[in-house]
Amino acid sequence: MNIQHTHNGIRLTNKTLSGLDTFVLDFLSVLKAYTDYVIVSGYVTILFGRARGTEDIDIIIEKIDSGMFERFFNDLTERNYWFLNSDDQNDLFNMLNENLAVRIAKIDEIIPNIELKFVKDYFDNFSLKNSLKVMIGDHEMKISPIELQIPYKLYLSGDKDIEDAIYLHEIFKETIDRKTLKNFLKEFDVDATDYGIEI
């Protein structure tokens, strides 16, 4: 797989889509008709070739009203998705408004699933408004900026999260915006050098 990172986004060539990639792209084909979105956390590193498992794909979305959510709910249901939390659309919408995640999977399956949340804070807003477009052939998806992903993963500080941060930095260290990266490291109060990442 070849990764080309420019100010316009990222293009992946010679990438073979995995079953997980196809699951994400299929879901996004429905979601993008209803609201803006950005993919964050673990799947981002998997997209770029990190060999690790994940049960869920974290997606932050712009807030929508109850009517739009009803149409989204019905559309997903007709396309053989189900919501793991509840089968009541009002309950699900209330969960989103309470900053809780709703989980969505293909019918009769639990893993993998989408963990969907409404945008809730400055970092979510930044990810959404400054999302990075990734092109895989004719397919497109939007991910959180790498400059935010690395500090956030270091802040979480789990072994898998630290490994994700190091992996992303190794891939993008020549093209990331160092000023933005440093600002987010400061925001999260983490020292990248503690993890062997020289900025």
C-alpha atoms as a PDB file:
ATOM      1  CA  MET A   1       0.000   0.000   0.000  1.00  0.00           C
ATOM      2  CA  ASN A   2       1.234   3.471  -0.897  1.00  0.00           C
ATOM      3  CA  ILE A   3       0.245   6.501   1.216  1.00  0.00           C
ATOM      4  CA  GLN A   4       0.322   9.978  -0.345  1.00  0.00           C
ATOM      5  CA  HIS A   5      -0.331  12.765   2.196  1.00  0.00           C
ATOM      6  CA  THR A   6      -0.848  16.322   0.922  1.00  0.00           C
ATOM      7  CA  HIS A   7      -2.693  19.419   2.124  1.00  0.00           C
ATOM      8  CA  ASN A   8      -5.700  18.165   0.126  1.00  0.00           C
ATOM      9  CA  GLY A   9      -5.904  14.895   2.055  1.00  0.00           C
ATOM     10  CA  ILE A  10      -4.567  11.358   1.756  1.00  0.00           C
ATOM     11  CA  ARG A  11      -4.658   8.983  -1.185  1.00  0.00           C
ATOM     12  CA  LEU A  12      -4.128   5.263  -0.670  1.00  0.00           C
ATOM     13  CA  THR A  13      -3.058   3.225  -3.685  1.00  0.00           C
ATOM     14  CA  ASN A  14      -2.505  -0.500  -4.027  1.00  0.00           C
ATOM     15  CA  LYS A  15      -4.667  -1.081  -0.962  1.00  0.00           C
ATOM     16  CA  THR A  16      -6.799  -4.186  -0.823  1.00  0.00           C
ATOM     17  CA  LEU A  17     -10.053  -3.452   0.978  1.00  0.00           C
ATOM     18  CA  SER A  18     -10.578  -5.658   4.018  1.00  0.00           C
ATOM     19  CA  GLY A  19     -13.957  -6.834   5.245  1.00  0.00           C
ATOM     20  CA  LEU A  20     -13.752  -4.113   7.909  1.00  0.00           C
ATOM     21  CA  ASP A  21     -13.023  -1.419   5.296  1.00  0.00           C
ATOM     22  CA  THR A  22     -16.023  -2.550   3.265  1.00  0.00           C
ATOM     23  CA  PHE A  23     -18.241  -2.512   6.361  1.00  0.00           C
ATOM     24  CA  VAL A  24     -17.186   1.079   7.104  1.00  0.00           C
ATOM     25  CA  LEU A  25     -17.620   2.277   3.527  1.00  0.00           C
ATOM     26  CA  ASP A  26     -21.069   0.661   3.261  1.00  0.00           C
ATOM     27  CA  PHE A  27     -22.176   2.377   6.459  1.00  0.00           C
ATOM     28  CA  LEU A  28     -20.800   5.742   5.344  1.00  0.00           C
ATOM     29  CA  SER A  29     -22.724   5.479   2.083  1.00  0.00           C
ATOM     30  CA  VAL A  30     -25.881   5.725   4.192  1.00  0.00           C
ATOM     31  CA  LEU A  31     -24.672   8.139   6.873  1.00  0.00           C
ATOM     32  CA  LYS A  32     -23.346  10.895   4.593  1.00  0.00           C
ATOM     33  CA  ALA A  33     -26.831  11.461   3.168  1.00  0.00           C
ATOM     34  CA  TYR A  34     -28.005  12.640   6.596  1.00  0.00           C
ATOM     35  CA  THR A  35     -25.176  14.492   8.328  1.00  0.00           C
ATOM     36  CA  ASP A  36     -21.480  15.353   8.349  1.00  0.00           C
ATOM     37  CA  TYR A  37     -19.155  12.897  10.077  1.00  0.00           C
ATOM     38  CA  VAL A  38     -15.570  12.129  11.031  1.00  0.00           C
ATOM     39  CA  ILE A  39     -13.946   8.804  11.933  1.00  0.00           C
ATOM     40  CA  VAL A  40     -11.727   8.890  15.016  1.00  0.00           C
ATOM     41  CA  SER A  41      -9.628   6.577  17.192  1.00  0.00           C
ATOM     42  CA  GLY A  42      -8.479   3.005  16.489  1.00  0.00           C
ATOM     43  CA  TYR A  43      -9.809   2.375  12.980  1.00  0.00           C
ATOM     44  CA  VAL A  44      -7.725   5.290  11.685  1.00  0.00           C
ATOM     45  CA  THR A  45      -4.507   3.352  12.299  1.00  0.00           C
ATOM     46  CA  ILE A  46      -5.978   0.134  10.899  1.00  0.00           C
ATOM     47  CA  LEU A  47      -6.883   2.020   7.721  1.00  0.00           C
ATOM     48  CA  PHE A  48      -3.197   2.802   7.242  1.00  0.00           C
ATOM     49  CA  GLY A  49      -2.069  -0.776   7.668  1.00  0.00           C
ATOM     50  CA  ARG A  50      -1.598  -1.308  11.389  1.00  0.00           C
ATOM     51  CA  ALA A  51      -2.284  -4.969  12.124  1.00  0.00           C
ATOM     52  CA  ARG A  52      -4.531  -4.902  15.141  1.00  0.00           C
ATOM     53  CA  GLY A  53      -8.098  -5.862  15.856  1.00  0.00           C
ATOM     54  CA  THR A  54     -11.002  -3.641  16.780  1.00  0.00           C
ATOM     55  CA  GLU A  55     -14.603  -4.320  17.696  1.00  0.00           C
ATOM     56  CA  ASP A  56     -15.943  -0.864  16.946  1.00  0.00           C
ATOM     57  CA  ILE A  57     -15.442   2.074  14.618  1.00  0.00           C
ATOM     58  CA  ASP A  58     -15.825   5.410  16.390  1.00  0.00           C
ATOM     59  CA  ILE A  59     -17.675   8.027  14.361  1.00  0.00           C
ATOM     60  CA  ILE A  60     -18.594  11.542  15.481  1.00  0.00           C
ATOM     61  CA  ILE A  61     -21.464  13.231  13.666  1.00  0.00           C
ATOM     62  CA  GLU A  62     -22.954  16.698  13.441  1.00  0.00           C
ATOM     63  CA  LYS A  63     -26.123  16.925  15.512  1.00  0.00           C
ATOM     64  CA  ILE A  64     -29.359  16.239  13.674  1.00  0.00           C
ATOM     65  CA  ASP A  65     -32.969  16.696  14.754  1.00  0.00           C
ATOM     66  CA  SER A  66     -35.380  13.927  15.666  1.00  0.00           C
ATOM     67  CA  GLY A  67     -37.041  13.918  12.244  1.00  0.00           C
ATOM     68  CA  MET A  68     -33.744  13.448  10.440  1.00  0.00           C
ATOM     69  CA  PHE A  69     -32.723  10.755  12.906  1.00  0.00           C
ATOM     70  CA  GLU A  70     -35.996   8.916  12.275  1.00  0.00           C
ATOM     71  CA  ARG A  71     -35.278   8.858   8.535  1.00  0.00           C
ATOM     72  CA  PHE A  72     -31.699   7.715   9.190  1.00  0.00           C
ATOM     73  CA  PHE A  73     -32.948   4.983  11.549  1.00  0.00           C
ATOM     74  CA  ASN A  74     -35.483   3.740   9.015  1.00  0.00           C
ATOM     75  CA  ASP A  75     -32.971   3.808   6.174  1.00  0.00           C
ATOM     76  CA  LEU A  76     -30.460   1.731   8.145  1.00  0.00           C
ATOM     77  CA  THR A  77     -33.147  -0.731   9.207  1.00  0.00           C
ATOM     78  CA  GLU A  78     -34.218  -1.214   5.585  1.00  0.00           C
ATOM     79  CA  ARG A  79     -30.573  -1.895   4.670  1.00  0.00           C
ATOM     80  CA  ASN A  80     -30.276  -4.697   7.231  1.00  0.00           C
ATOM     81  CA  TYR A  81     -28.570  -2.828  10.068  1.00  0.00           C
ATOM     82  CA  TRP A  82     -29.669  -2.946  13.681  1.00  0.00           C
ATOM     83  CA  PHE A  83     -29.007  -0.879  16.802  1.00  0.00           C
ATOM     84  CA  LEU A  84     -27.471  -2.842  19.640  1.00  0.00           C
ATOM     85  CA  ASN A  85     -28.647  -0.456  22.389  1.00  0.00           C
ATOM     86  CA  SER A  86     -32.371  -0.409  21.674  1.00  0.00           C
ATOM     87  CA  ASP A  87     -34.919  -0.904  18.929  1.00  0.00           C
ATOM     88  CA  ASP A  88     -36.743   2.287  19.949  1.00  0.00           C
ATOM     89  CA  GLN A  89     -35.626   5.255  17.843  1.00  0.00           C
ATOM     90  CA  ASN A  90     -36.688   7.769  20.508  1.00  0.00           C
ATOM     91  CA  ASP A  91     -34.530   6.045  23.126  1.00  0.00           C
ATOM     92  CA  LEU A  92     -31.594   6.066  20.729  1.00  0.00           C
ATOM     93  CA  PHE A  93     -32.028   9.738  19.873  1.00  0.00           C
ATOM     94  CA  ASN A  94     -32.200  10.611  23.566  1.00  0.00           C
ATOM     95  CA  MET A  95     -28.991   8.670  24.173  1.00  0.00           C
ATOM     96  CA  LEU A  96     -27.196  10.690  21.525  1.00  0.00           C
ATOM     97  CA  ASN A  97     -28.431  13.924  23.071  1.00  0.00           C
ATOM     98  CA  GLU A  98     -27.094  12.762  26.436  1.00  0.00           C
ATOM     99  CA  ASN A  99     -23.625  12.371  24.848  1.00  0.00           C
ATOM    100  CA  LEU A 100     -23.892   8.586  24.884  1.00  0.00           C
ATOM    101  CA  ALA A 101     -22.916   6.354  21.989  1.00  0.00           C
ATOM    102  CA  VAL A 102     -25.285   4.197  20.000  1.00  0.00           C
ATOM    103  CA  ARG A 103     -23.932   1.039  18.411  1.00  0.00           C
ATOM    104  CA  ILE A 104     -24.902  -0.169  14.960  1.00  0.00           C
ATOM    105  CA  ALA A 105     -24.080  -3.455  13.253  1.00  0.00           C
ATOM    106  CA  LYS A 106     -25.275  -5.623  10.406  1.00  0.00           C
ATOM    107  CA  ILE A 107     -28.342  -7.683  11.256  1.00  0.00           C
ATOM    108  CA  ASP A 108     -27.582 -10.851  13.258  1.00  0.00           C
ATOM    109  CA  GLU A 109     -24.056  -9.614  13.956  1.00  0.00           C
ATOM    110  CA  ILE A 110     -22.460  -7.763  16.876  1.00  0.00           C
ATOM    111  CA  ILE A 111     -18.873  -7.327  15.702  1.00  0.00           C
ATOM    112  CA  PRO A 112     -17.804  -5.152  14.025  1.00  0.00           C
ATOM    113  CA  ASN A 113     -20.073  -2.309  14.996  1.00  0.00           C
ATOM    114  CA  ILE A 114     -20.238   1.435  14.573  1.00  0.00           C
ATOM    115  CA  GLU A 115     -20.040   3.525  17.761  1.00  0.00           C
ATOM    116  CA  LEU A 116     -21.884   6.699  16.821  1.00  0.00           C
ATOM    117  CA  LYS A 117     -21.841   9.914  18.896  1.00  0.00           C
ATOM    118  CA  PHE A 118     -22.970  13.495  18.493  1.00  0.00           C
ATOM    119  CA  VAL A 119     -20.235  16.128  18.483  1.00  0.00           C
ATOM    120  CA  LYS A 120     -19.849  17.310  22.088  1.00  0.00           C
ATOM    121  CA  ASP A 121     -16.728  19.405  22.699  1.00  0.00           C
ATOM    122  CA  TYR A 122     -13.919  21.486  21.193  1.00  0.00           C
ATOM    123  CA  PHE A 123     -11.899  18.460  20.103  1.00  0.00           C
ATOM    124  CA  ASP A 124     -14.889  16.820  18.413  1.00  0.00           C
ATOM    125  CA  ASN A 125     -15.679  20.081  16.643  1.00  0.00           C
ATOM    126  CA  PHE A 126     -12.094  20.477  15.492  1.00  0.00           C
ATOM    127  CA  SER A 127     -12.064  16.925  14.122  1.00  0.00           C
ATOM    128  CA  LEU A 128     -15.335  17.483  12.297  1.00  0.00           C
ATOM    129  CA  LYS A 129     -14.452  20.876  10.819  1.00  0.00           C
ATOM    130  CA  ASN A 130     -10.875  19.921   9.924  1.00  0.00           C
ATOM    131  CA  SER A 131     -11.434  16.340   8.849  1.00  0.00           C
ATOM    132  CA  LEU A 132      -8.953  14.743   6.487  1.00  0.00           C
ATOM    133  CA  LYS A 133     -10.309  13.225   3.295  1.00  0.00           C
ATOM    134  CA  VAL A 134      -8.923   9.773   2.517  1.00  0.00           C
ATOM    135  CA  MET A 135      -9.327   8.469  -1.030  1.00  0.00           C
ATOM    136  CA  ILE A 136      -9.098   4.735  -1.736  1.00  0.00           C
ATOM    137  CA  GLY A 137      -9.690   4.356  -5.443  1.00  0.00           C
ATOM    138  CA  ASP A 138     -13.164   5.782  -6.000  1.00  0.00           C
ATOM    139  CA  HIS A 139     -14.031   5.485  -2.308  1.00  0.00           C
ATOM    140  CA  GLU A 140     -13.845   8.339   0.177  1.00  0.00           C
ATOM    141  CA  MET A 141     -13.927   8.598   3.942  1.00  0.00           C
ATOM    142  CA  LYS A 142     -13.150  11.404   6.400  1.00  0.00           C
ATOM    143  CA  ILE A 143     -10.897  10.941   9.396  1.00  0.00           C
ATOM    144  CA  SER A 144      -9.709  13.053  12.303  1.00  0.00           C
ATOM    145  CA  PRO A 145      -6.565  15.122  11.618  1.00  0.00           C
ATOM    146  CA  ILE A 146      -3.399  13.158  12.364  1.00  0.00           C
ATOM    147  CA  GLU A 147      -2.133  16.111  14.437  1.00  0.00           C
ATOM    148  CA  LEU A 148      -5.026  15.533  16.844  1.00  0.00           C
ATOM    149  CA  GLN A 149      -5.073  11.736  16.688  1.00  0.00           C
ATOM    150  CA  ILE A 150      -1.502  11.342  17.960  1.00  0.00           C
ATOM    151  CA  PRO A 151      -1.868  13.498  21.118  1.00  0.00           C
ATOM    152  CA  TYR A 152      -5.294  12.038  21.869  1.00  0.00           C
ATOM    153  CA  LYS A 153      -3.964   8.490  21.688  1.00  0.00           C
ATOM    154  CA  LEU A 154      -1.015   9.381  23.949  1.00  0.00           C
ATOM    155  CA  TYR A 155      -3.458  11.004  26.378  1.00  0.00           C
ATOM    156  CA  LEU A 156      -5.500   7.781  26.577  1.00  0.00           C
ATOM    157  CA  SER A 157      -2.191   6.071  27.459  1.00  0.00           C
ATOM    158  CA  GLY A 158      -3.273   2.449  27.049  1.00  0.00           C
ATOM    159  CA  ASP A 159      -0.684   0.172  25.464  1.00  0.00           C
ATOM    160  CA  LYS A 160      -2.694  -0.143  22.259  1.00  0.00           C
ATOM    161  CA  ASP A 161      -3.307   3.616  22.150  1.00  0.00           C
ATOM    162  CA  ILE A 162       0.386   4.459  22.578  1.00  0.00           C
ATOM    163  CA  GLU A 163       1.289   1.965  19.848  1.00  0.00           C
ATOM    164  CA  ASP A 164      -1.328   3.613  17.591  1.00  0.00           C
ATOM    165  CA  ALA A 165       0.185   7.062  18.204  1.00  0.00           C
ATOM    166  CA  ILE A 166       3.717   5.873  17.484  1.00  0.00           C
ATOM    167  CA  TYR A 167       2.544   4.097  14.331  1.00  0.00           C
ATOM    168  CA  LEU A 168       0.780   7.215  13.005  1.00  0.00           C
ATOM    169  CA  HIS A 169       3.756   9.424  13.780  1.00  0.00           C
ATOM    170  CA  GLU A 170       6.127   7.064  11.974  1.00  0.00           C
ATOM    171  CA  ILE A 171       3.974   7.158   8.842  1.00  0.00           C
ATOM    172  CA  PHE A 172       3.234  10.876   8.791  1.00  0.00           C
ATOM    173  CA  LYS A 173       6.220  12.473  10.551  1.00  0.00           C
ATOM    174  CA  GLU A 174       7.446  14.094   7.326  1.00  0.00           C
ATOM    175  CA  THR A 175       4.116  15.670   6.381  1.00  0.00           C
ATOM    176  CA  ILE A 176       2.223  16.518   9.577  1.00  0.00           C
ATOM    177  CA  ASP A 177       1.818  20.127  10.712  1.00  0.00           C
ATOM    178  CA  ARG A 178       4.245  20.236  13.632  1.00  0.00           C
ATOM    179  CA  LYS A 179       2.839  23.466  15.071  1.00  0.00           C
ATOM    180  CA  THR A 180      -0.671  22.021  15.276  1.00  0.00           C
ATOM    181  CA  LEU A 181       0.698  18.777  16.699  1.00  0.00           C
ATOM    182  CA  LYS A 182       2.619  20.646  19.408  1.00  0.00           C
ATOM    183  CA  ASN A 183      -0.471  22.699  20.278  1.00  0.00           C
ATOM    184  CA  PHE A 184      -2.571  19.574  20.804  1.00  0.00           C
ATOM    185  CA  LEU A 185       0.166  17.871  22.802  1.00  0.00           C
ATOM    186  CA  LYS A 186       0.043  20.906  25.074  1.00  0.00           C
ATOM    187  CA  GLU A 187      -3.780  20.816  25.202  1.00  0.00           C
ATOM    188  CA  PHE A 188      -3.707  17.184  26.326  1.00  0.00           C
ATOM    189  CA  ASP A 189      -0.711  17.807  28.601  1.00  0.00           C
ATOM    190  CA  VAL A 190       1.337  14.942  27.206  1.00  0.00           C
ATOM    191  CA  ASP A 191       5.038  14.818  26.412  1.00  0.00           C
ATOM    192  CA  ALA A 192       5.579  12.921  23.171  1.00  0.00           C
ATOM    193  CA  THR A 193       9.277  12.407  23.962  1.00  0.00           C
ATOM    194  CA  ASP A 194       8.210  10.120  26.812  1.00  0.00           C
ATOM    195  CA  TYR A 195       7.143   7.714  24.084  1.00  0.00           C
ATOM    196  CA  GLY A 196      10.126   8.166  21.796  1.00  0.00           C
ATOM    197  CA  ILE A 197       8.330  10.611  19.514  1.00  0.00           C
ATOM    198  CA  GLU A 198      10.586  13.541  18.644  1.00  0.00           C
ATOM    199  CA  ILE A 199       8.722  16.605  17.437  1.00  0.00           C
END
